[in-house]
Amino acid sequence: MLNWHLAVSVLGGGAVGLGLFLLVREALPAAPALGPALRRLHQPPGLSRPGGAAGRDLDWLSGVARWLRPPHRQLALIGQTPEQYALSLVLSGLIGLASPALLSTALFIAGVRPPIVLPTVAALGFAFVTMLMAHRSVLVKAERARREFRQAVCAYLDLVALQLSAAHGPVQALERAAEVCDGWVFERVREALRMAQLQMHAPWDELRELAEKIGIPELGDVGAIMQSSGTEGAQVHESLRGRADSLRDQIRTDSLARAEAVTSRLDVPGALLVFVLVGFVIYPFMARI
């Protein structure tokens, strides 16, 4: 006969031993992984942004990410990888699939038995809606980050012009101007300049590469203007200030356009409210006829 007390004791001791082994293994310092460190060194300016999620090994989602065709520029701007984007869509779809199933289970316990077609169709519909919402959330975050990046580039243009006015060279002006301010935008710029220094590239080429990657052409304009200063020796103070002024005007125009769009959307509920009030006023007279 099997001794259950002995079996439980053996299993419990094994579990405790496994737990102690894992604790000791995690506490010991591990050798650094050279391959990921080299990949981080040679990749374009990073996908790091304050408040972003910690990096995870999501290589198994690469195939799913390629099938979903993620918006690469938007993801690079907000500091996400295609694998993280695919994971968010997959989790959102699973939540959408599970919600009708849980509701059907609750109805079944309550004594209500809906047809099997209804929860199936509802699960597919919820999954599609939740995945669409996750995709839309990425686009909204990217649009907000793009507006913030453009405003920071406008300040960066003025700072670079000031550094050039202080008799600094073009490369030094780019680096000193990026060190003045904090924030995730200037962190991305500083990282691009560090990568250019480590890889012995021209800093304006690295800035234009970053601008192409994240879809911010205004940052590429900084690189183009500074390239003329570094290679041709041109005086670009006025060019930088003029580009900053035109960018401010463009940002102001875009802000006014968004405000007008929001105002026009608010006119619809206001008109509906007027119709409702008119209906309340006219109904007593119509009821007496």
Protein backbone atom coordinates (compact mmCIF):
# COMPACT_ATOMS: atom_id res chain seq x y z
CA MET A 1 0.00 0.00 0.00
CA LEU A 2 1.24 3.45 -0.90
CA ASN A 3 2.20 5.58 2.09
CA TRP A 4 0.51 8.95 1.35
CA HIS A 5 2.28 10.72 4.19
CA LEU A 6 5.67 9.69 2.80
CA ALA A 7 4.71 10.75 -0.74
CA VAL A 8 3.51 14.17 0.44
CA SER A 9 6.69 14.63 2.49
CA VAL A 10 8.89 13.75 -0.49
CA LEU A 11 7.01 16.09 -2.83
CA GLY A 12 7.07 18.91 -0.28
CA GLY A 13 10.80 18.47 0.33
CA GLY A 14 11.45 18.46 -3.41
CA ALA A 15 9.46 21.66 -3.88
CA VAL A 16 11.34 23.38 -1.03
CA GLY A 17 14.67 22.23 -2.44
CA LEU A 18 13.78 23.48 -5.91
CA GLY A 19 12.78 26.83 -4.46
CA LEU A 20 16.06 27.17 -2.56
CA PHE A 21 18.00 26.23 -5.69
CA LEU A 22 16.24 28.90 -7.73
CA LEU A 23 16.81 31.53 -5.04
CA VAL A 24 20.55 30.74 -4.84
CA ARG A 25 20.81 30.71 -8.64
CA GLU A 26 19.17 34.13 -8.98
CA ALA A 27 21.27 35.59 -6.16
CA LEU A 28 24.59 34.59 -7.72
CA PRO A 29 25.97 37.09 -10.26
CA ALA A 30 25.61 35.79 -13.81
CA ALA A 31 28.04 36.30 -16.67
CA PRO A 32 26.90 39.15 -18.96
CA ALA A 33 25.42 38.12 -22.30
CA LEU A 34 27.83 39.44 -24.92
CA GLY A 35 25.54 38.95 -27.93
CA PRO A 36 22.65 41.20 -26.78
CA ALA A 37 25.16 43.83 -25.60
CA LEU A 38 26.76 43.98 -29.05
CA ARG A 39 23.35 44.17 -30.74
CA ARG A 40 22.36 47.10 -28.53
CA LEU A 41 25.66 48.81 -29.36
CA HIS A 42 25.25 48.57 -33.13
CA GLN A 43 21.54 49.16 -33.52
CA PRO A 44 20.08 52.60 -34.35
CA PRO A 45 19.15 54.95 -31.52
CA GLY A 46 17.17 52.98 -29.06
CA LEU A 47 13.68 52.19 -28.26
CA SER A 48 13.90 53.43 -24.71
CA ARG A 49 11.57 55.93 -23.25
CA PRO A 50 10.86 56.83 -19.64
CA GLY A 51 7.87 54.94 -18.35
CA GLY A 52 8.18 52.24 -21.02
CA ALA A 53 7.96 48.55 -20.21
CA ALA A 54 11.11 46.63 -19.42
CA GLY A 55 12.71 44.79 -22.29
CA ARG A 56 11.54 41.21 -22.65
CA ASP A 57 12.53 38.31 -24.79
CA LEU A 58 9.68 38.21 -27.28
CA ASP A 59 11.49 36.65 -30.20
CA TRP A 60 8.83 33.94 -30.45
CA LEU A 61 6.37 36.63 -31.54
CA SER A 62 8.43 37.72 -34.54
CA GLY A 63 6.37 35.67 -36.98
CA VAL A 64 3.10 37.00 -35.56
CA ALA A 65 4.45 40.57 -35.74
CA ARG A 66 5.37 40.17 -39.42
CA TRP A 67 1.91 38.80 -40.17
CA LEU A 68 0.20 41.72 -38.39
CA ARG A 69 2.28 44.33 -40.31
CA PRO A 70 2.83 46.69 -37.37
CA PRO A 71 3.30 50.47 -37.85
CA HIS A 72 7.08 50.53 -37.46
CA ARG A 73 7.55 54.30 -37.33
CA GLN A 74 4.87 54.78 -34.70
CA LEU A 75 6.29 51.94 -32.61
CA ALA A 76 9.83 53.30 -32.88
CA LEU A 77 8.59 56.71 -31.80
CA ILE A 78 6.86 55.48 -28.63
CA GLY A 79 9.62 53.01 -27.79
CA GLN A 80 7.92 49.69 -28.55
CA THR A 81 9.09 46.74 -30.59
CA PRO A 82 6.94 44.89 -33.14
CA GLU A 83 6.95 41.91 -30.78
CA GLN A 84 5.48 44.00 -27.96
CA TYR A 85 2.87 45.33 -30.37
CA ALA A 86 1.94 41.78 -31.41
CA LEU A 87 1.76 40.70 -27.77
CA SER A 88 -0.61 43.56 -26.90
CA LEU A 89 -2.90 42.64 -29.80
CA VAL A 90 -2.85 38.95 -28.90
CA LEU A 91 -3.66 39.65 -25.24
CA SER A 92 -6.43 42.06 -26.23
CA GLY A 93 -7.91 39.47 -28.58
CA LEU A 94 -7.81 36.80 -25.85
CA ILE A 95 -9.57 39.16 -23.43
CA GLY A 96 -12.23 39.80 -26.06
CA LEU A 97 -12.68 36.06 -26.62
CA ALA A 98 -12.90 35.30 -22.91
CA SER A 99 -15.43 38.01 -21.97
CA PRO A 100 -18.49 36.47 -23.71
CA ALA A 101 -17.46 33.03 -22.47
CA LEU A 102 -17.46 34.24 -18.87
CA LEU A 103 -20.80 35.96 -19.38
CA SER A 104 -22.29 32.79 -20.90
CA THR A 105 -21.02 30.78 -17.93
CA ALA A 106 -22.64 33.20 -15.52
CA LEU A 107 -25.93 32.97 -17.43
CA PHE A 108 -25.71 29.18 -17.47
CA ILE A 109 -25.25 29.12 -13.70
CA ALA A 110 -28.22 31.47 -13.36
CA GLY A 111 -30.34 29.03 -15.38
CA VAL A 112 -30.36 30.90 -18.70
CA ARG A 113 -29.09 28.84 -21.64
CA PRO A 114 -28.46 31.03 -24.72
CA PRO A 115 -27.87 29.33 -28.09
CA ILE A 116 -24.26 28.35 -28.74
CA VAL A 117 -24.07 30.56 -31.84
CA LEU A 118 -24.64 33.75 -29.84
CA PRO A 119 -21.57 33.54 -27.52
CA THR A 120 -19.40 32.36 -30.41
CA VAL A 121 -20.28 35.33 -32.62
CA ALA A 122 -20.02 37.68 -29.63
CA ALA A 123 -16.57 36.31 -28.76
CA LEU A 124 -15.28 36.87 -32.29
CA GLY A 125 -16.77 40.36 -32.39
CA PHE A 126 -15.33 41.30 -29.00
CA ALA A 127 -11.91 39.97 -30.02
CA PHE A 128 -11.90 42.07 -33.18
CA VAL A 129 -13.02 45.20 -31.29
CA THR A 130 -10.42 44.81 -28.53
CA MET A 131 -7.61 44.26 -31.04
CA LEU A 132 -8.75 47.32 -32.98
CA MET A 133 -8.77 49.35 -29.76
CA ALA A 134 -5.21 48.20 -28.94
CA HIS A 135 -4.05 49.22 -32.43
CA ARG A 136 -5.83 52.56 -32.12
CA SER A 137 -4.17 53.15 -28.74
CA VAL A 138 -0.73 52.78 -30.35
CA LEU A 139 -1.61 55.30 -33.06
CA VAL A 140 -2.96 57.81 -30.51
CA LYS A 141 0.15 57.52 -28.34
CA ALA A 142 2.37 57.95 -31.39
CA GLU A 143 0.47 61.07 -32.48
CA ARG A 144 0.87 62.62 -29.04
CA ALA A 145 4.55 61.71 -28.97
CA ARG A 146 5.01 63.21 -32.45
CA ARG A 147 3.55 66.54 -31.33
CA GLU A 148 5.78 66.55 -28.26
CA PHE A 149 8.83 65.65 -30.34
CA ARG A 150 8.19 68.48 -32.80
CA GLN A 151 7.92 71.01 -29.98
CA ALA A 152 11.19 69.75 -28.50
CA VAL A 153 12.90 69.95 -31.90
CA CYS A 154 11.80 73.58 -32.12
CA ALA A 155 13.59 74.30 -28.83
CA TYR A 156 16.58 72.25 -29.97
CA LEU A 157 16.97 74.41 -33.07
CA ASP A 158 17.20 77.54 -30.93
CA LEU A 159 19.67 75.90 -28.56
CA VAL A 160 21.94 74.79 -31.39
CA ALA A 161 21.84 78.32 -32.84
CA LEU A 162 22.86 79.73 -29.45
CA GLN A 163 25.75 77.27 -29.18
CA LEU A 164 26.96 78.25 -32.65
CA SER A 165 26.74 81.91 -31.68
CA ALA A 166 29.01 81.11 -28.73
CA ALA A 167 31.75 80.08 -31.20
CA HIS A 168 31.34 76.33 -30.74
CA GLY A 169 31.87 73.96 -33.64
CA PRO A 170 28.91 72.23 -35.33
CA VAL A 171 29.48 68.86 -33.65
CA GLN A 172 30.05 70.41 -30.25
CA ALA A 173 27.01 72.65 -30.71
CA LEU A 174 24.77 69.64 -31.36
CA GLU A 175 26.09 67.79 -28.31
CA ARG A 176 26.02 70.76 -25.90
CA ALA A 177 22.51 71.76 -26.98
CA ALA A 178 21.25 68.22 -26.36
CA GLU A 179 22.77 68.21 -22.86
CA VAL A 180 20.92 71.36 -21.77
CA CYS A 181 17.40 69.94 -21.46
CA ASP A 182 15.91 66.80 -19.94
CA GLY A 183 13.06 64.65 -21.21
CA TRP A 184 12.67 61.59 -23.37
CA VAL A 185 13.02 63.56 -26.62
CA PHE A 186 16.42 64.97 -25.74
CA GLU A 187 17.41 61.56 -24.41
CA ARG A 188 16.75 60.11 -27.86
CA VAL A 189 18.82 62.88 -29.44
CA ARG A 190 21.69 62.34 -26.98
CA GLU A 191 21.59 58.62 -27.64
CA ALA A 192 21.80 59.22 -31.40
CA LEU A 193 24.79 61.52 -30.92
CA ARG A 194 26.50 58.95 -28.67
CA MET A 195 25.94 56.26 -31.30
CA ALA A 196 27.48 58.54 -33.94
CA GLN A 197 30.50 59.11 -31.73
CA LEU A 198 30.96 55.40 -30.99
CA GLN A 199 30.55 54.34 -34.60
CA MET A 200 32.59 57.30 -35.90
CA HIS A 201 29.73 58.64 -38.00
CA ALA A 202 28.81 62.24 -38.67
CA PRO A 203 26.24 63.35 -36.06
CA TRP A 204 23.96 64.93 -38.67
CA ASP A 205 23.80 61.65 -40.56
CA GLU A 206 22.74 59.89 -37.36
CA LEU A 207 20.10 62.53 -36.68
CA ARG A 208 18.67 62.15 -40.18
CA GLU A 209 18.63 58.38 -39.78
CA LEU A 210 16.71 58.72 -36.51
CA ALA A 211 14.30 61.18 -38.15
CA GLU A 212 13.64 58.70 -40.96
CA LYS A 213 13.13 55.86 -38.51
CA ILE A 214 10.58 57.61 -36.30
CA GLY A 215 8.94 59.77 -38.98
CA ILE A 216 9.98 63.21 -37.69
CA PRO A 217 11.27 65.14 -40.73
CA GLU A 218 11.90 68.26 -38.60
CA LEU A 219 14.77 66.47 -36.85
CA GLY A 220 16.18 65.59 -40.25
CA ASP A 221 16.13 69.30 -41.11
CA VAL A 222 18.44 69.94 -38.15
CA GLY A 223 20.87 67.38 -39.54
CA ALA A 224 20.67 68.83 -43.04
CA ILE A 225 21.34 72.39 -41.84
CA MET A 226 24.22 71.32 -39.62
CA GLN A 227 25.74 69.26 -42.42
CA SER A 228 26.15 72.39 -44.50
CA SER A 229 27.86 74.02 -41.52
CA GLY A 230 30.18 71.09 -40.90
CA THR A 231 31.15 70.27 -44.48
CA GLU A 232 30.93 73.64 -46.23
CA GLY A 233 31.65 75.95 -43.31
CA ALA A 234 28.43 77.89 -43.88
CA GLN A 235 27.05 80.22 -41.23
CA VAL A 236 23.72 78.64 -40.33
CA HIS A 237 22.57 80.72 -37.35
CA GLU A 238 19.86 82.45 -39.32
CA SER A 239 18.84 79.21 -41.04
CA LEU A 240 18.35 77.48 -37.70
CA ARG A 241 16.36 80.37 -36.25
CA GLY A 242 14.26 80.71 -39.39
CA ARG A 243 13.48 76.98 -39.36
CA ALA A 244 12.53 77.23 -35.67
CA ASP A 245 10.16 80.14 -36.38
CA SER A 246 8.51 78.34 -39.29
CA LEU A 247 8.13 75.20 -37.19
CA ARG A 248 6.47 77.23 -34.42
CA ASP A 249 4.02 78.66 -36.94
CA GLN A 250 3.28 75.18 -38.25
CA ILE A 251 2.71 73.82 -34.73
CA ARG A 252 0.41 76.75 -33.97
CA THR A 253 -1.57 76.16 -37.15
CA ASP A 254 -1.94 72.45 -36.40
CA SER A 255 -3.10 73.22 -32.85
CA LEU A 256 -5.74 75.64 -34.15
CA ALA A 257 -6.94 73.03 -36.67
CA ARG A 258 -7.31 70.41 -33.93
CA ALA A 259 -9.16 72.88 -31.71
CA GLU A 260 -11.58 73.72 -34.54
CA ALA A 261 -12.15 70.02 -35.20
CA VAL A 262 -12.98 69.41 -31.54
CA THR A 263 -15.29 72.43 -31.51
CA SER A 264 -17.15 71.21 -34.59
CA ARG A 265 -17.68 67.80 -32.96
CA LEU A 266 -19.13 69.53 -29.90
CA ASP A 267 -21.70 71.30 -32.08
CA VAL A 268 -23.52 68.00 -32.77
CA PRO A 269 -24.59 67.22 -29.17
CA GLY A 270 -25.47 70.90 -28.71
CA ALA A 271 -27.80 70.79 -31.73
CA LEU A 272 -29.39 67.56 -30.48
CA LEU A 273 -30.00 69.16 -27.10
CA VAL A 274 -31.75 72.08 -28.78
CA PHE A 275 -34.03 69.67 -30.67
CA VAL A 276 -34.86 67.86 -27.43
CA LEU A 277 -35.76 71.13 -25.68
CA VAL A 278 -37.89 72.21 -28.63
CA GLY A 279 -39.67 68.85 -28.47
CA PHE A 280 -40.44 69.33 -24.77
CA VAL A 281 -41.83 72.79 -25.50
CA ILE A 282 -43.98 71.76 -28.49
CA TYR A 283 -45.30 68.46 -27.08
CA PRO A 284 -47.93 69.97 -24.70
CA PHE A 285 -49.43 72.03 -27.53
CA MET A 286 -49.43 69.07 -29.89
CA ALA A 287 -51.04 66.85 -27.25
CA ARG A 288 -54.02 69.27 -26.90
CA ILE A 289 -54.81 69.20 -30.61
